[in-house]
Amino acid sequence: MELLVAAVIVSLLTAVAIPTLKRVAVESRKTECLSRMRALGQATLLYTQDQSGRFPRSLHSAGAHGEMGWTASIASYLQVDIRAGAAAWQQAFNRYYRCPEHREDRVSYYSYGLNVHFELTPDGDSYTGSPATWRKVVQVPQPSRTILLAENRPVAYGDHLMCHLWTGVSAARNALAHERHAQMANYLFVDGHVETLSVEKTFDPASGVNLWNPSLAR
């Protein structure tokens, strides 16, 4: 009888503990994702200081300007040597450019995408706020309210978000990993801070919300 009672108690304790442990693990992965995004933000800001204030480019325009994509451009500021070989790059990629909740193991699938507004020009792009451009940090009116990086859906070589083409919330949902952290995602702002938000808090034209376009972010 005593063994039976003990077994019942252990079963009850296990039933209570397992969900708690799962929640702790999920929260831990979310916190680690926030930490990685902050590191990317610090590295990006250090890069801009060495580049006369200019942001790194994504694969959207880097090649056309003879530059590396933003992940490679800021690598040295993360103490990553991109010349160290494929194995070293894979390790660095998983450490910095991949959210722990992102289980896709292909190295070309980034967890974070750069806001493409920082590389748009009126010569080849159509966007709200043209002909203004935001290639430099000082050109961004509201750094603390303008998104720099966000969690994107896994797409091969998808290191950027074409948010200037979004017309509604559904378009943002299709591009963002907006449910990765309990129906929300993490967002890095130009000033370096990170917030966990629902997609509607970042982009909802019907409510006048747009934290992506520097000319509209409030």
C-alpha atoms as a PDB file:
ATOM      1  CA  MET A   1       0.000   0.000   0.000  1.00  0.00           C
ATOM      2  CA  GLU A   2       2.801   2.400   0.873  1.00  0.00           C
ATOM      3  CA  LEU A   3       4.485   1.697  -2.469  1.00  0.00           C
ATOM      4  CA  LEU A   4       1.206   2.332  -4.267  1.00  0.00           C
ATOM      5  CA  VAL A   5       0.720   5.655  -2.480  1.00  0.00           C
ATOM      6  CA  ALA A   6       4.298   6.652  -3.267  1.00  0.00           C
ATOM      7  CA  ALA A   7       3.792   5.774  -6.936  1.00  0.00           C
ATOM      8  CA  VAL A   8       0.627   7.875  -7.081  1.00  0.00           C
ATOM      9  CA  ILE A   9       2.420  10.845  -5.481  1.00  0.00           C
ATOM     10  CA  VAL A  10       5.319  10.547  -7.919  1.00  0.00           C
ATOM     11  CA  SER A  11       2.884  10.405 -10.838  1.00  0.00           C
ATOM     12  CA  LEU A  12       1.068  13.513  -9.618  1.00  0.00           C
ATOM     13  CA  LEU A  13       4.300  15.403  -9.092  1.00  0.00           C
ATOM     14  CA  THR A  14       5.482  14.408 -12.566  1.00  0.00           C
ATOM     15  CA  ALA A  15       2.206  15.531 -14.126  1.00  0.00           C
ATOM     16  CA  VAL A  16       2.617  18.924 -12.476  1.00  0.00           C
ATOM     17  CA  ALA A  17       6.344  19.255 -13.148  1.00  0.00           C
ATOM     18  CA  ILE A  18       6.441  18.378 -16.855  1.00  0.00           C
ATOM     19  CA  PRO A  19       4.285  21.300 -18.082  1.00  0.00           C
ATOM     20  CA  THR A  20       6.256  23.643 -15.817  1.00  0.00           C
ATOM     21  CA  LEU A  21       9.559  22.397 -17.201  1.00  0.00           C
ATOM     22  CA  LYS A  22       8.259  22.807 -20.751  1.00  0.00           C
ATOM     23  CA  ARG A  23       7.241  26.393 -20.036  1.00  0.00           C
ATOM     24  CA  VAL A  24      10.647  27.098 -18.512  1.00  0.00           C
ATOM     25  CA  ALA A  25      12.372  25.631 -21.570  1.00  0.00           C
ATOM     26  CA  VAL A  26      10.236  27.699 -23.952  1.00  0.00           C
ATOM     27  CA  GLU A  27      10.880  30.876 -21.962  1.00  0.00           C
ATOM     28  CA  SER A  28      14.597  30.093 -21.920  1.00  0.00           C
ATOM     29  CA  ARG A  29      14.683  29.774 -25.724  1.00  0.00           C
ATOM     30  CA  LYS A  30      12.791  33.039 -26.073  1.00  0.00           C
ATOM     31  CA  THR A  31      15.274  34.786 -23.771  1.00  0.00           C
ATOM     32  CA  GLU A  32      18.198  33.362 -25.739  1.00  0.00           C
ATOM     33  CA  CYS A  33      16.609  34.623 -28.964  1.00  0.00           C
ATOM     34  CA  LEU A  34      16.337  38.103 -27.422  1.00  0.00           C
ATOM     35  CA  SER A  35      19.989  37.915 -26.400  1.00  0.00           C
ATOM     36  CA  ARG A  36      21.080  36.941 -29.900  1.00  0.00           C
ATOM     37  CA  MET A  37      19.122  39.793 -31.440  1.00  0.00           C
ATOM     38  CA  ARG A  38      20.714  42.275 -29.024  1.00  0.00           C
ATOM     39  CA  ALA A  39      24.144  40.973 -30.030  1.00  0.00           C
ATOM     40  CA  LEU A  40      23.246  41.448 -33.696  1.00  0.00           C
ATOM     41  CA  GLY A  41      22.068  44.971 -32.913  1.00  0.00           C
ATOM     42  CA  GLN A  42      25.290  45.871 -31.121  1.00  0.00           C
ATOM     43  CA  ALA A  43      27.368  44.439 -33.958  1.00  0.00           C
ATOM     44  CA  THR A  44      25.339  46.360 -36.540  1.00  0.00           C
ATOM     45  CA  LEU A  45      25.725  49.653 -34.687  1.00  0.00           C
ATOM     46  CA  LEU A  46      29.481  49.071 -34.390  1.00  0.00           C
ATOM     47  CA  TYR A  47      29.562  48.426 -38.125  1.00  0.00           C
ATOM     48  CA  THR A  48      27.731  51.694 -38.832  1.00  0.00           C
ATOM     49  CA  GLN A  49      30.253  53.613 -36.718  1.00  0.00           C
ATOM     50  CA  ASP A  50      33.045  52.325 -38.952  1.00  0.00           C
ATOM     51  CA  GLN A  51      31.077  52.991 -42.137  1.00  0.00           C
ATOM     52  CA  SER A  52      30.243  56.681 -41.700  1.00  0.00           C
ATOM     53  CA  GLY A  53      26.873  55.771 -40.240  1.00  0.00           C
ATOM     54  CA  ARG A  54      25.752  53.537 -43.115  1.00  0.00           C
ATOM     55  CA  PHE A  55      23.749  50.385 -42.477  1.00  0.00           C
ATOM     56  CA  PRO A  56      24.930  47.057 -43.919  1.00  0.00           C
ATOM     57  CA  ARG A  57      23.020  45.784 -46.924  1.00  0.00           C
ATOM     58  CA  SER A  58      21.047  42.579 -47.302  1.00  0.00           C
ATOM     59  CA  LEU A  59      21.194  40.248 -50.293  1.00  0.00           C
ATOM     60  CA  HIS A  60      18.511  42.494 -51.785  1.00  0.00           C
ATOM     61  CA  SER A  61      21.158  44.982 -52.931  1.00  0.00           C
ATOM     62  CA  ALA A  62      24.588  43.984 -51.551  1.00  0.00           C
ATOM     63  CA  GLY A  63      25.868  42.296 -54.700  1.00  0.00           C
ATOM     64  CA  ALA A  64      24.920  45.207 -56.931  1.00  0.00           C
ATOM     65  CA  HIS A  65      27.020  47.510 -54.738  1.00  0.00           C
ATOM     66  CA  GLY A  66      29.997  45.199 -54.371  1.00  0.00           C
ATOM     67  CA  GLU A  67      29.261  44.562 -50.696  1.00  0.00           C
ATOM     68  CA  MET A  68      28.647  41.493 -48.545  1.00  0.00           C
ATOM     69  CA  GLY A  69      25.255  40.762 -47.058  1.00  0.00           C
ATOM     70  CA  TRP A  70      24.596  42.072 -43.572  1.00  0.00           C
ATOM     71  CA  THR A  71      25.317  38.742 -41.842  1.00  0.00           C
ATOM     72  CA  ALA A  72      28.831  38.631 -43.274  1.00  0.00           C
ATOM     73  CA  SER A  73      29.358  42.386 -42.944  1.00  0.00           C
ATOM     74  CA  ILE A  74      28.858  42.383 -39.175  1.00  0.00           C
ATOM     75  CA  ALA A  75      30.506  38.997 -38.509  1.00  0.00           C
ATOM     76  CA  SER A  76      33.837  40.419 -37.371  1.00  0.00           C
ATOM     77  CA  TYR A  77      32.037  42.488 -34.712  1.00  0.00           C
ATOM     78  CA  LEU A  78      30.742  39.198 -33.319  1.00  0.00           C
ATOM     79  CA  GLN A  79      34.282  37.806 -33.274  1.00  0.00           C
ATOM     80  CA  VAL A  80      33.424  35.555 -36.227  1.00  0.00           C
ATOM     81  CA  ASP A  81      35.986  34.920 -38.966  1.00  0.00           C
ATOM     82  CA  ILE A  82      34.041  34.285 -42.176  1.00  0.00           C
ATOM     83  CA  ARG A  83      37.223  32.934 -43.799  1.00  0.00           C
ATOM     84  CA  ALA A  84      37.566  30.124 -41.252  1.00  0.00           C
ATOM     85  CA  GLY A  85      35.704  27.584 -43.384  1.00  0.00           C
ATOM     86  CA  ALA A  86      32.248  26.065 -43.707  1.00  0.00           C
ATOM     87  CA  ALA A  87      32.255  24.245 -40.374  1.00  0.00           C
ATOM     88  CA  ALA A  88      33.236  27.382 -38.434  1.00  0.00           C
ATOM     89  CA  TRP A  89      30.646  29.438 -40.279  1.00  0.00           C
ATOM     90  CA  GLN A  90      27.934  26.864 -39.545  1.00  0.00           C
ATOM     91  CA  GLN A  91      28.800  27.043 -35.844  1.00  0.00           C
ATOM     92  CA  ALA A  92      28.723  30.847 -35.849  1.00  0.00           C
ATOM     93  CA  PHE A  93      25.528  30.829 -37.892  1.00  0.00           C
ATOM     94  CA  ASN A  94      23.759  28.627 -35.355  1.00  0.00           C
ATOM     95  CA  ARG A  95      25.070  30.729 -32.490  1.00  0.00           C
ATOM     96  CA  TYR A  96      24.109  34.176 -33.769  1.00  0.00           C
ATOM     97  CA  TYR A  97      21.818  34.043 -36.796  1.00  0.00           C
ATOM     98  CA  ARG A  98      19.458  31.278 -35.718  1.00  0.00           C
ATOM     99  CA  CYS A  99      16.760  31.532 -33.057  1.00  0.00           C
ATOM    100  CA  PRO A 100      16.735  28.489 -30.719  1.00  0.00           C
ATOM    101  CA  GLU A 101      13.054  28.005 -31.613  1.00  0.00           C
ATOM    102  CA  HIS A 102      13.945  27.815 -35.310  1.00  0.00           C
ATOM    103  CA  ARG A 103      14.577  24.108 -35.926  1.00  0.00           C
ATOM    104  CA  GLU A 104      15.455  24.264 -39.654  1.00  0.00           C
ATOM    105  CA  ASP A 105      19.088  23.141 -39.863  1.00  0.00           C
ATOM    106  CA  ARG A 106      20.010  24.376 -43.314  1.00  0.00           C
ATOM    107  CA  VAL A 107      22.654  27.095 -43.099  1.00  0.00           C
ATOM    108  CA  SER A 108      20.934  29.208 -45.748  1.00  0.00           C
ATOM    109  CA  TYR A 109      17.802  29.603 -43.634  1.00  0.00           C
ATOM    110  CA  TYR A 110      18.175  32.700 -41.458  1.00  0.00           C
ATOM    111  CA  SER A 111      15.996  33.319 -38.404  1.00  0.00           C
ATOM    112  CA  TYR A 112      16.333  37.084 -38.724  1.00  0.00           C
ATOM    113  CA  GLY A 113      15.663  39.408 -41.633  1.00  0.00           C
ATOM    114  CA  LEU A 114      16.840  42.978 -42.213  1.00  0.00           C
ATOM    115  CA  ASN A 115      14.274  45.704 -42.782  1.00  0.00           C
ATOM    116  CA  VAL A 116      14.763  46.488 -46.475  1.00  0.00           C
ATOM    117  CA  HIS A 117      13.808  50.170 -46.070  1.00  0.00           C
ATOM    118  CA  PHE A 118      17.403  50.999 -45.167  1.00  0.00           C
ATOM    119  CA  GLU A 119      18.612  50.154 -48.664  1.00  0.00           C
ATOM    120  CA  LEU A 120      15.767  51.465 -50.841  1.00  0.00           C
ATOM    121  CA  THR A 121      16.351  54.287 -53.314  1.00  0.00           C
ATOM    122  CA  PRO A 122      13.862  56.318 -55.378  1.00  0.00           C
ATOM    123  CA  ASP A 123      15.769  55.361 -58.521  1.00  0.00           C
ATOM    124  CA  GLY A 124      14.662  51.729 -58.464  1.00  0.00           C
ATOM    125  CA  ASP A 125      12.119  51.318 -55.696  1.00  0.00           C
ATOM    126  CA  SER A 126       8.612  52.542 -54.990  1.00  0.00           C
ATOM    127  CA  TYR A 127       7.898  53.204 -51.321  1.00  0.00           C
ATOM    128  CA  THR A 128       6.105  55.562 -48.969  1.00  0.00           C
ATOM    129  CA  GLY A 129       8.408  58.405 -47.985  1.00  0.00           C
ATOM    130  CA  SER A 130      10.282  58.571 -51.298  1.00  0.00           C
ATOM    131  CA  PRO A 131      12.514  60.364 -52.269  1.00  0.00           C
ATOM    132  CA  ALA A 132      13.854  60.258 -48.690  1.00  0.00           C
ATOM    133  CA  THR A 133      16.341  57.492 -47.997  1.00  0.00           C
ATOM    134  CA  TRP A 134      17.551  55.981 -44.743  1.00  0.00           C
ATOM    135  CA  ARG A 135      20.980  54.574 -45.540  1.00  0.00           C
ATOM    136  CA  LYS A 136      22.457  56.139 -42.391  1.00  0.00           C
ATOM    137  CA  VAL A 137      21.446  55.901 -38.754  1.00  0.00           C
ATOM    138  CA  VAL A 138      21.150  59.684 -38.456  1.00  0.00           C
ATOM    139  CA  GLN A 139      18.564  59.707 -41.239  1.00  0.00           C
ATOM    140  CA  VAL A 140      16.125  57.600 -39.190  1.00  0.00           C
ATOM    141  CA  PRO A 141      13.725  60.017 -37.417  1.00  0.00           C
ATOM    142  CA  GLN A 142      12.643  57.620 -34.654  1.00  0.00           C
ATOM    143  CA  PRO A 143      15.402  55.018 -33.988  1.00  0.00           C
ATOM    144  CA  SER A 144      13.646  53.673 -30.900  1.00  0.00           C
ATOM    145  CA  ARG A 145      10.414  53.083 -32.856  1.00  0.00           C
ATOM    146  CA  THR A 146      11.816  51.788 -36.167  1.00  0.00           C
ATOM    147  CA  ILE A 147      12.461  48.062 -36.638  1.00  0.00           C
ATOM    148  CA  LEU A 148      15.895  47.026 -37.877  1.00  0.00           C
ATOM    149  CA  LEU A 149      15.665  43.215 -37.694  1.00  0.00           C
ATOM    150  CA  ALA A 150      12.786  40.815 -37.156  1.00  0.00           C
ATOM    151  CA  GLU A 151      12.147  37.101 -37.015  1.00  0.00           C
ATOM    152  CA  ASN A 152      11.298  35.961 -40.518  1.00  0.00           C
ATOM    153  CA  ARG A 153       9.817  32.749 -41.847  1.00  0.00           C
ATOM    154  CA  PRO A 154      12.392  30.186 -43.017  1.00  0.00           C
ATOM    155  CA  VAL A 155      13.198  30.972 -46.643  1.00  0.00           C
ATOM    156  CA  ALA A 156      16.391  30.047 -48.470  1.00  0.00           C
ATOM    157  CA  TYR A 157      18.740  33.037 -48.324  1.00  0.00           C
ATOM    158  CA  GLY A 158      15.916  35.134 -46.882  1.00  0.00           C
ATOM    159  CA  ASP A 159      18.074  37.606 -44.980  1.00  0.00           C
ATOM    160  CA  HIS A 160      15.704  40.547 -45.496  1.00  0.00           C
ATOM    161  CA  LEU A 161      12.048  41.520 -45.322  1.00  0.00           C
ATOM    162  CA  MET A 162      10.429  43.316 -48.274  1.00  0.00           C
ATOM    163  CA  CYS A 163       8.132  45.193 -45.923  1.00  0.00           C
ATOM    164  CA  HIS A 164       7.743  48.184 -48.273  1.00  0.00           C
ATOM    165  CA  LEU A 165       5.499  45.925 -50.403  1.00  0.00           C
ATOM    166  CA  TRP A 166       3.154  44.896 -47.581  1.00  0.00           C
ATOM    167  CA  THR A 167      -0.392  46.163 -47.977  1.00  0.00           C
ATOM    168  CA  GLY A 168      -2.036  44.614 -44.929  1.00  0.00           C
ATOM    169  CA  VAL A 169      -1.503  42.574 -41.796  1.00  0.00           C
ATOM    170  CA  SER A 170      -1.845  39.300 -43.709  1.00  0.00           C
ATOM    171  CA  ALA A 171       1.200  40.169 -45.835  1.00  0.00           C
ATOM    172  CA  ALA A 172       3.240  40.777 -42.683  1.00  0.00           C
ATOM    173  CA  ARG A 173       2.066  37.480 -41.204  1.00  0.00           C
ATOM    174  CA  ASN A 174       3.147  35.626 -44.345  1.00  0.00           C
ATOM    175  CA  ALA A 175       6.673  37.046 -44.097  1.00  0.00           C
ATOM    176  CA  LEU A 176       7.241  37.001 -40.334  1.00  0.00           C
ATOM    177  CA  ALA A 177       7.613  34.151 -37.852  1.00  0.00           C
ATOM    178  CA  HIS A 178       4.954  36.000 -35.890  1.00  0.00           C
ATOM    179  CA  GLU A 179       3.896  32.984 -33.803  1.00  0.00           C
ATOM    180  CA  ARG A 180       7.346  31.743 -32.818  1.00  0.00           C
ATOM    181  CA  HIS A 181       7.053  32.908 -29.192  1.00  0.00           C
ATOM    182  CA  ALA A 182       3.519  32.334 -27.897  1.00  0.00           C
ATOM    183  CA  GLN A 183       1.811  34.073 -30.824  1.00  0.00           C
ATOM    184  CA  MET A 184       4.441  36.802 -30.891  1.00  0.00           C
ATOM    185  CA  ALA A 185       7.930  37.443 -32.276  1.00  0.00           C
ATOM    186  CA  ASN A 186      11.037  39.379 -31.283  1.00  0.00           C
ATOM    187  CA  TYR A 187      11.945  42.652 -32.980  1.00  0.00           C
ATOM    188  CA  LEU A 188      15.216  44.577 -32.883  1.00  0.00           C
ATOM    189  CA  PHE A 189      14.963  48.355 -33.191  1.00  0.00           C
ATOM    190  CA  VAL A 190      17.496  50.762 -34.691  1.00  0.00           C
ATOM    191  CA  ASP A 191      18.576  52.019 -31.262  1.00  0.00           C
ATOM    192  CA  GLY A 192      19.536  48.448 -30.269  1.00  0.00           C
ATOM    193  CA  HIS A 193      16.695  47.465 -27.934  1.00  0.00           C
ATOM    194  CA  VAL A 194      14.524  44.378 -28.516  1.00  0.00           C
ATOM    195  CA  GLU A 195      10.800  43.890 -27.921  1.00  0.00           C
ATOM    196  CA  THR A 196       8.479  40.870 -28.087  1.00  0.00           C
ATOM    197  CA  LEU A 197       5.356  41.971 -29.941  1.00  0.00           C
ATOM    198  CA  SER A 198       2.352  40.730 -31.855  1.00  0.00           C
ATOM    199  CA  VAL A 199       2.508  41.431 -35.575  1.00  0.00           C
ATOM    200  CA  GLU A 200      -0.327  43.966 -35.311  1.00  0.00           C
ATOM    201  CA  LYS A 201       1.767  46.076 -32.949  1.00  0.00           C
ATOM    202  CA  THR A 202       4.371  46.477 -35.707  1.00  0.00           C
ATOM    203  CA  PHE A 203       2.262  46.700 -38.865  1.00  0.00           C
ATOM    204  CA  ASP A 204      -1.439  47.407 -39.165  1.00  0.00           C
ATOM    205  CA  PRO A 205      -2.223  50.030 -41.827  1.00  0.00           C
ATOM    206  CA  ALA A 206      -5.894  50.051 -40.892  1.00  0.00           C
ATOM    207  CA  SER A 207      -4.911  51.330 -37.446  1.00  0.00           C
ATOM    208  CA  GLY A 208      -2.109  53.587 -38.684  1.00  0.00           C
ATOM    209  CA  VAL A 209       0.643  51.345 -37.272  1.00  0.00           C
ATOM    210  CA  ASN A 210       3.884  50.949 -39.232  1.00  0.00           C
ATOM    211  CA  LEU A 211       7.143  50.503 -37.323  1.00  0.00           C
ATOM    212  CA  TRP A 212       8.958  49.424 -40.483  1.00  0.00           C
ATOM    213  CA  ASN A 213       8.894  52.538 -42.643  1.00  0.00           C
ATOM    214  CA  PRO A 214      11.129  55.198 -41.016  1.00  0.00           C
ATOM    215  CA  SER A 215       8.872  57.952 -42.312  1.00  0.00           C
ATOM    216  CA  LEU A 216       5.810  56.442 -40.595  1.00  0.00           C
ATOM    217  CA  ALA A 217       7.217  54.880 -37.414  1.00  0.00           C
ATOM    218  CA  ARG A 218       5.845  56.532 -34.280  1.00  0.00           C
END
